[in-house]
Amino acid sequence: RFSSIRPMYYRGSLGAVLVFDLTNYASFEHLPQWIEEVRASIKEEIPVLLVGNKSDLIDQRVVSIGIVFT
């Protein structure tokens, strides 16, 4: 819905934090698209930090730490 205005928010950024849901594999699968959007919107190289949330819901976790680091 707001995809056309998102690149405006990236301008001038010194870094990006992308948060994904450890209990929702689809949110993890979308990370490459988000990273590409950030990289395409910002010409200079910036750090991108990936953060997995809901780490307290161990019994519902579908994204393993091993997958995240590969």
PDB file of N, CA and C in Angstrom:
ATOM      1  N   ARG A   1       0.818  -1.192   0.000  1.00  0.00           N
ATOM      2  CA  ARG A   1       0.000   0.000   0.000  1.00  0.00           C
ATOM      3  C   ARG A   1       0.862   1.255   0.000  1.00  0.00           C
ATOM      4  N   PHE A   2       1.902   1.264   0.810  1.00  0.00           N
ATOM      5  CA  PHE A   2       2.769   2.439   0.893  1.00  0.00           C
ATOM      6  C   PHE A   2       4.112   2.207   0.219  1.00  0.00           C
ATOM      7  N   SER A   3       4.192   1.213  -0.635  1.00  0.00           N
ATOM      8  CA  SER A   3       5.479   0.857  -1.238  1.00  0.00           C
ATOM      9  C   SER A   3       6.080   1.978  -2.074  1.00  0.00           C
ATOM     10  N   SER A   4       5.257   2.830  -2.642  1.00  0.00           N
ATOM     11  CA  SER A   4       5.791   3.903  -3.491  1.00  0.00           C
ATOM     12  C   SER A   4       6.479   5.004  -2.689  1.00  0.00           C
ATOM     13  N   ILE A   5       6.119   5.177  -1.419  1.00  0.00           N
ATOM     14  CA  ILE A   5       6.735   6.246  -0.629  1.00  0.00           C
ATOM     15  C   ILE A   5       7.848   5.749   0.293  1.00  0.00           C
ATOM     16  N   ARG A   6       8.004   4.437   0.427  1.00  0.00           N
ATOM     17  CA  ARG A   6       9.037   3.912   1.328  1.00  0.00           C
ATOM     18  C   ARG A   6      10.433   4.416   1.000  1.00  0.00           C
ATOM     19  N   PRO A   7      10.851   4.455  -0.279  1.00  0.00           N
ATOM     20  CA  PRO A   7      12.217   4.919  -0.571  1.00  0.00           C
ATOM     21  C   PRO A   7      12.532   6.319  -0.049  1.00  0.00           C
ATOM     22  N   MET A   8      11.540   7.162   0.101  1.00  0.00           N
ATOM     23  CA  MET A   8      11.772   8.505   0.648  1.00  0.00           C
ATOM     24  C   MET A   8      12.286   8.430   2.083  1.00  0.00           C
ATOM     25  N   TYR A   9      11.848   7.440   2.829  1.00  0.00           N
ATOM     26  CA  TYR A   9      12.268   7.300   4.219  1.00  0.00           C
ATOM     27  C   TYR A   9      13.703   6.806   4.339  1.00  0.00           C
ATOM     28  N   TYR A  10      14.227   6.175   3.305  1.00  0.00           N
ATOM     29  CA  TYR A  10      15.587   5.645   3.333  1.00  0.00           C
ATOM     30  C   TYR A  10      16.639   6.715   3.078  1.00  0.00           C
ATOM     31  N   ARG A  11      16.286   7.767   2.385  1.00  0.00           N
ATOM     32  CA  ARG A  11      17.262   8.802   2.012  1.00  0.00           C
ATOM     33  C   ARG A  11      17.962   9.373   3.241  1.00  0.00           C
ATOM     34  N   GLY A  12      19.269   9.474   3.146  1.00  0.00           N
ATOM     35  CA  GLY A  12      20.052  10.032   4.237  1.00  0.00           C
ATOM     36  C   GLY A  12      20.280   9.080   5.395  1.00  0.00           C
ATOM     37  N   SER A  13      19.826   7.855   5.271  1.00  0.00           N
ATOM     38  CA  SER A  13      19.989   6.888   6.356  1.00  0.00           C
ATOM     39  C   SER A  13      21.440   6.463   6.491  1.00  0.00           C
ATOM     40  N   LEU A  14      21.854   6.271   7.723  1.00  0.00           N
ATOM     41  CA  LEU A  14      23.210   5.804   8.002  1.00  0.00           C
ATOM     42  C   LEU A  14      23.234   4.305   8.273  1.00  0.00           C
ATOM     43  N   GLY A  15      22.071   3.704   8.338  1.00  0.00           N
ATOM     44  CA  GLY A  15      21.947   2.273   8.585  1.00  0.00           C
ATOM     45  C   GLY A  15      20.486   1.882   8.514  1.00  0.00           C
ATOM     46  N   ALA A  16      20.256   0.577   8.509  1.00  0.00           N
ATOM     47  CA  ALA A  16      18.880   0.071   8.464  1.00  0.00           C
ATOM     48  C   ALA A  16      18.746  -1.092   9.435  1.00  0.00           C
ATOM     49  N   VAL A  17      17.610  -1.165  10.096  1.00  0.00           N
ATOM     50  CA  VAL A  17      17.281  -2.278  10.976  1.00  0.00           C
ATOM     51  C   VAL A  17      16.057  -2.959  10.385  1.00  0.00           C
ATOM     52  N   LEU A  18      16.213  -4.219  10.010  1.00  0.00           N
ATOM     53  CA  LEU A  18      15.107  -4.995   9.460  1.00  0.00           C
ATOM     54  C   LEU A  18      14.713  -6.042  10.490  1.00  0.00           C
ATOM     55  N   VAL A  19      13.460  -6.014  10.897  1.00  0.00           N
ATOM     56  CA  VAL A  19      12.957  -6.915  11.928  1.00  0.00           C
ATOM     57  C   VAL A  19      12.071  -7.962  11.280  1.00  0.00           C
ATOM     58  N   PHE A  20      12.312  -9.224  11.633  1.00  0.00           N
ATOM     59  CA  PHE A  20      11.477 -10.306  11.132  1.00  0.00           C
ATOM     60  C   PHE A  20      10.977 -11.130  12.308  1.00  0.00           C
ATOM     61  N   ASP A  21       9.917 -11.869  12.069  1.00  0.00           N
ATOM     62  CA  ASP A  21       9.229 -12.654  13.087  1.00  0.00           C
ATOM     63  C   ASP A  21       9.772 -14.084  13.077  1.00  0.00           C
ATOM     64  N   LEU A  22      10.368 -14.518  14.178  1.00  0.00           N
ATOM     65  CA  LEU A  22      10.911 -15.875  14.272  1.00  0.00           C
ATOM     66  C   LEU A  22       9.826 -16.948  14.254  1.00  0.00           C
ATOM     67  N   THR A  23       8.569 -16.544  14.439  1.00  0.00           N
ATOM     68  CA  THR A  23       7.468 -17.510  14.413  1.00  0.00           C
ATOM     69  C   THR A  23       6.733 -17.513  13.076  1.00  0.00           C
ATOM     70  N   ASN A  24       7.256 -16.759  12.108  1.00  0.00           N
ATOM     71  CA  ASN A  24       6.609 -16.640  10.799  1.00  0.00           C
ATOM     72  C   ASN A  24       7.684 -16.733   9.719  1.00  0.00           C
ATOM     73  N   TYR A  25       7.792 -17.896   9.087  1.00  0.00           N
ATOM     74  CA  TYR A  25       8.863 -18.114   8.108  1.00  0.00           C
ATOM     75  C   TYR A  25       8.749 -17.165   6.918  1.00  0.00           C
ATOM     76  N   ALA A  26       7.545 -16.793   6.543  1.00  0.00           N
ATOM     77  CA  ALA A  26       7.356 -15.881   5.408  1.00  0.00           C
ATOM     78  C   ALA A  26       8.034 -14.538   5.665  1.00  0.00           C
ATOM     79  N   SER A  27       8.009 -14.061   6.906  1.00  0.00           N
ATOM     80  CA  SER A  27       8.660 -12.782   7.203  1.00  0.00           C
ATOM     81  C   SER A  27      10.170 -12.890   6.998  1.00  0.00           C
ATOM     82  N   PHE A  28      10.738 -14.043   7.297  1.00  0.00           N
ATOM     83  CA  PHE A  28      12.165 -14.274   7.056  1.00  0.00           C
ATOM     84  C   PHE A  28      12.454 -14.364   5.559  1.00  0.00           C
ATOM     85  N   GLU A  29      11.585 -15.019   4.820  1.00  0.00           N
ATOM     86  CA  GLU A  29      11.772 -15.171   3.374  1.00  0.00           C
ATOM     87  C   GLU A  29      11.718 -13.832   2.631  1.00  0.00           C
ATOM     88  N   HIS A  30      11.036 -12.853   3.195  1.00  0.00           N
ATOM     89  CA  HIS A  30      10.924 -11.537   2.550  1.00  0.00           C
ATOM     90  C   HIS A  30      12.143 -10.638   2.789  1.00  0.00           C
ATOM     91  N   LEU A  31      13.040 -11.049   3.670  1.00  0.00           N
ATOM     92  CA  LEU A  31      14.203 -10.208   3.970  1.00  0.00           C
ATOM     93  C   LEU A  31      15.031  -9.838   2.738  1.00  0.00           C
ATOM     94  N   PRO A  32      15.320 -10.770   1.818  1.00  0.00           N
ATOM     95  CA  PRO A  32      16.108 -10.365   0.640  1.00  0.00           C
ATOM     96  C   PRO A  32      15.465  -9.227  -0.155  1.00  0.00           C
ATOM     97  N   GLN A  33      14.140  -9.227  -0.242  1.00  0.00           N
ATOM     98  CA  GLN A  33      13.464  -8.142  -0.968  1.00  0.00           C
ATOM     99  C   GLN A  33      13.616  -6.814  -0.231  1.00  0.00           C
ATOM    100  N   TRP A  34      13.510  -6.847   1.092  1.00  0.00           N
ATOM    101  CA  TRP A  34      13.679  -5.624   1.880  1.00  0.00           C
ATOM    102  C   TRP A  34      15.110  -5.110   1.768  1.00  0.00           C
ATOM    103  N   ILE A  35      16.075  -6.018   1.842  1.00  0.00           N
ATOM    104  CA  ILE A  35      17.476  -5.613   1.726  1.00  0.00           C
ATOM    105  C   ILE A  35      17.726  -4.985   0.360  1.00  0.00           C
ATOM    106  N   GLU A  36      17.200  -5.602  -0.676  1.00  0.00           N
ATOM    107  CA  GLU A  36      17.369  -5.070  -2.033  1.00  0.00           C
ATOM    108  C   GLU A  36      16.730  -3.688  -2.163  1.00  0.00           C
ATOM    109  N   GLU A  37      15.563  -3.505  -1.573  1.00  0.00           N
ATOM    110  CA  GLU A  37      14.899  -2.198  -1.639  1.00  0.00           C
ATOM    111  C   GLU A  37      15.729  -1.124  -0.948  1.00  0.00           C
ATOM    112  N   VAL A  38      16.267  -1.458   0.220  1.00  0.00           N
ATOM    113  CA  VAL A  38      17.110  -0.499   0.941  1.00  0.00           C
ATOM    114  C   VAL A  38      18.350  -0.176   0.117  1.00  0.00           C
ATOM    115  N   ARG A  39      19.017  -1.197  -0.383  1.00  0.00           N
ATOM    116  CA  ARG A  39      20.254  -0.995  -1.162  1.00  0.00           C
ATOM    117  C   ARG A  39      19.985  -0.195  -2.442  1.00  0.00           C
ATOM    118  N   ALA A  40      18.857  -0.428  -3.085  1.00  0.00           N
ATOM    119  CA  ALA A  40      18.523   0.292  -4.317  1.00  0.00           C
ATOM    120  C   ALA A  40      18.174   1.754  -4.042  1.00  0.00           C
ATOM    121  N   SER A  41      17.653   2.032  -2.860  1.00  0.00           N
ATOM    122  CA  SER A  41      17.218   3.390  -2.526  1.00  0.00           C
ATOM    123  C   SER A  41      18.346   4.264  -2.001  1.00  0.00           C
ATOM    124  N   ILE A  42      19.384   3.628  -1.470  1.00  0.00           N
ATOM    125  CA  ILE A  42      20.508   4.364  -0.895  1.00  0.00           C
ATOM    126  C   ILE A  42      21.751   3.997  -1.686  1.00  0.00           C
ATOM    127  N   LYS A  43      22.339   4.970  -2.322  1.00  0.00           N
ATOM    128  CA  LYS A  43      23.470   4.699  -3.214  1.00  0.00           C
ATOM    129  C   LYS A  43      24.734   4.296  -2.463  1.00  0.00           C
ATOM    130  N   GLU A  44      24.968   4.861  -1.291  1.00  0.00           N
ATOM    131  CA  GLU A  44      26.164   4.506  -0.542  1.00  0.00           C
ATOM    132  C   GLU A  44      25.927   3.218   0.258  1.00  0.00           C
ATOM    133  N   GLU A  45      27.008   2.560   0.605  1.00  0.00           N
ATOM    134  CA  GLU A  45      26.938   1.319   1.383  1.00  0.00           C
ATOM    135  C   GLU A  45      26.630   1.662   2.841  1.00  0.00           C
ATOM    136  N   ILE A  46      25.585   1.058   3.393  1.00  0.00           N
ATOM    137  CA  ILE A  46      25.237   1.285   4.796  1.00  0.00           C
ATOM    138  C   ILE A  46      25.106  -0.070   5.486  1.00  0.00           C
ATOM    139  N   PRO A  47      25.291  -0.106   6.807  1.00  0.00           N
ATOM    140  CA  PRO A  47      25.091  -1.366   7.519  1.00  0.00           C
ATOM    141  C   PRO A  47      23.604  -1.701   7.598  1.00  0.00           C
ATOM    142  N   VAL A  48      23.303  -2.987   7.484  1.00  0.00           N
ATOM    143  CA  VAL A  48      21.931  -3.477   7.622  1.00  0.00           C
ATOM    144  C   VAL A  48      21.942  -4.502   8.747  1.00  0.00           C
ATOM    145  N   LEU A  49      21.175  -4.246   9.785  1.00  0.00           N
ATOM    146  CA  LEU A  49      21.086  -5.119  10.947  1.00  0.00           C
ATOM    147  C   LEU A  49      19.794  -5.916  10.861  1.00  0.00           C
ATOM    148  N   LEU A  50      19.895  -7.235  10.956  1.00  0.00           N
ATOM    149  CA  LEU A  50      18.712  -8.096  10.957  1.00  0.00           C
ATOM    150  C   LEU A  50      18.393  -8.475  12.395  1.00  0.00           C
ATOM    151  N   VAL A  51      17.134  -8.314  12.781  1.00  0.00           N
ATOM    152  CA  VAL A  51      16.698  -8.604  14.142  1.00  0.00           C
ATOM    153  C   VAL A  51      15.518  -9.556  14.086  1.00  0.00           C
ATOM    154  N   GLY A  52      15.649 -10.691  14.758  1.00  0.00           N
ATOM    155  CA  GLY A  52      14.540 -11.636  14.869  1.00  0.00           C
ATOM    156  C   GLY A  52      13.785 -11.371  16.159  1.00  0.00           C
ATOM    157  N   ASN A  53      12.500 -11.049  16.047  1.00  0.00           N
ATOM    158  CA  ASN A  53      11.716 -10.805  17.259  1.00  0.00           C
ATOM    159  C   ASN A  53      10.884 -12.035  17.619  1.00  0.00           C
ATOM    160  N   LYS A  54      10.245 -11.973  18.757  1.00  0.00           N
ATOM    161  CA  LYS A  54       9.454 -13.060  19.334  1.00  0.00           C
ATOM    162  C   LYS A  54      10.335 -14.254  19.709  1.00  0.00           C
ATOM    163  N   SER A  55      11.570 -13.975  20.099  1.00  0.00           N
ATOM    164  CA  SER A  55      12.494 -15.044  20.484  1.00  0.00           C
ATOM    165  C   SER A  55      12.059 -15.748  21.767  1.00  0.00           C
ATOM    166  N   ASP A  56      11.161 -15.122  22.515  1.00  0.00           N
ATOM    167  CA  ASP A  56      10.652 -15.739  23.735  1.00  0.00           C
ATOM    168  C   ASP A  56       9.639 -16.843  23.454  1.00  0.00           C
ATOM    169  N   LEU A  57       9.101 -16.902  22.244  1.00  0.00           N
ATOM    170  CA  LEU A  57       8.097 -17.910  21.889  1.00  0.00           C
ATOM    171  C   LEU A  57       8.785 -19.138  21.296  1.00  0.00           C
ATOM    172  N   ILE A  58       9.603 -19.781  22.104  1.00  0.00           N
ATOM    173  CA  ILE A  58      10.450 -20.887  21.648  1.00  0.00           C
ATOM    174  C   ILE A  58       9.633 -22.017  21.041  1.00  0.00           C
ATOM    175  N   ASP A  59       8.503 -22.352  21.629  1.00  0.00           N
ATOM    176  CA  ASP A  59       7.684 -23.459  21.124  1.00  0.00           C
ATOM    177  C   ASP A  59       6.995 -23.135  19.801  1.00  0.00           C
ATOM    178  N   GLN A  60       6.958 -21.864  19.412  1.00  0.00           N
ATOM    179  CA  GLN A  60       6.332 -21.457  18.147  1.00  0.00           C
ATOM    180  C   GLN A  60       7.357 -21.074  17.077  1.00  0.00           C
ATOM    181  N   ARG A  61       8.623 -21.142  17.421  1.00  0.00           N
ATOM    182  CA  ARG A  61       9.678 -20.702  16.495  1.00  0.00           C
ATOM    183  C   ARG A  61       9.749 -21.612  15.275  1.00  0.00           C
ATOM    184  N   VAL A  62       9.795 -21.006  14.091  1.00  0.00           N
ATOM    185  CA  VAL A  62       9.935 -21.764  12.842  1.00  0.00           C
ATOM    186  C   VAL A  62      11.196 -21.352  12.081  1.00  0.00           C
ATOM    187  N   VAL A  63      11.828 -20.274  12.510  1.00  0.00           N
ATOM    188  CA  VAL A  63      13.086 -19.830  11.905  1.00  0.00           C
ATOM    189  C   VAL A  63      14.192 -20.128  12.912  1.00  0.00           C
ATOM    190  N   SER A  64      15.090 -21.037  12.553  1.00  0.00           N
ATOM    191  CA  SER A  64      16.157 -21.414  13.478  1.00  0.00           C
ATOM    192  C   SER A  64      17.335 -20.453  13.365  1.00  0.00           C
ATOM    193  N   ILE A  65      18.120 -20.408  14.406  1.00  0.00           N
ATOM    194  CA  ILE A  65      19.307 -19.558  14.421  1.00  0.00           C
ATOM    195  C   ILE A  65      20.269 -19.986  13.314  1.00  0.00           C
ATOM    196  N   GLY A  66      20.367 -21.287  13.071  1.00  0.00           N
ATOM    197  CA  GLY A  66      21.242 -21.791  12.014  1.00  0.00           C
ATOM    198  C   GLY A  66      20.872 -21.258  10.646  1.00  0.00           C
ATOM    199  N   ILE A  67      19.580 -21.174  10.364  1.00  0.00           N
ATOM    200  CA  ILE A  67      19.121 -20.652   9.070  1.00  0.00           C
ATOM    201  C   ILE A  67      19.453 -19.167   8.949  1.00  0.00           C
ATOM    202  N   VAL A  68      19.301 -18.442  10.023  1.00  0.00           N
ATOM    203  CA  VAL A  68      19.550 -16.998   9.998  1.00  0.00           C
ATOM    204  C   VAL A  68      21.010 -16.706   9.656  1.00  0.00           C
ATOM    205  N   PHE A  69      21.929 -17.495  10.188  1.00  0.00           N
ATOM    206  CA  PHE A  69      23.354 -17.229   9.987  1.00  0.00           C
ATOM    207  C   PHE A  69      23.919 -17.832   8.711  1.00  0.00           C
ATOM    208  N   THR A  70      23.093 -18.506   7.902  1.00  0.00           N
ATOM    209  CA  THR A  70      23.608 -19.064   6.641  1.00  0.00           C
ATOM    210  C   THR A  70      23.344 -18.158   5.474  1.00  0.00           C
TER     211      THR A  70
END
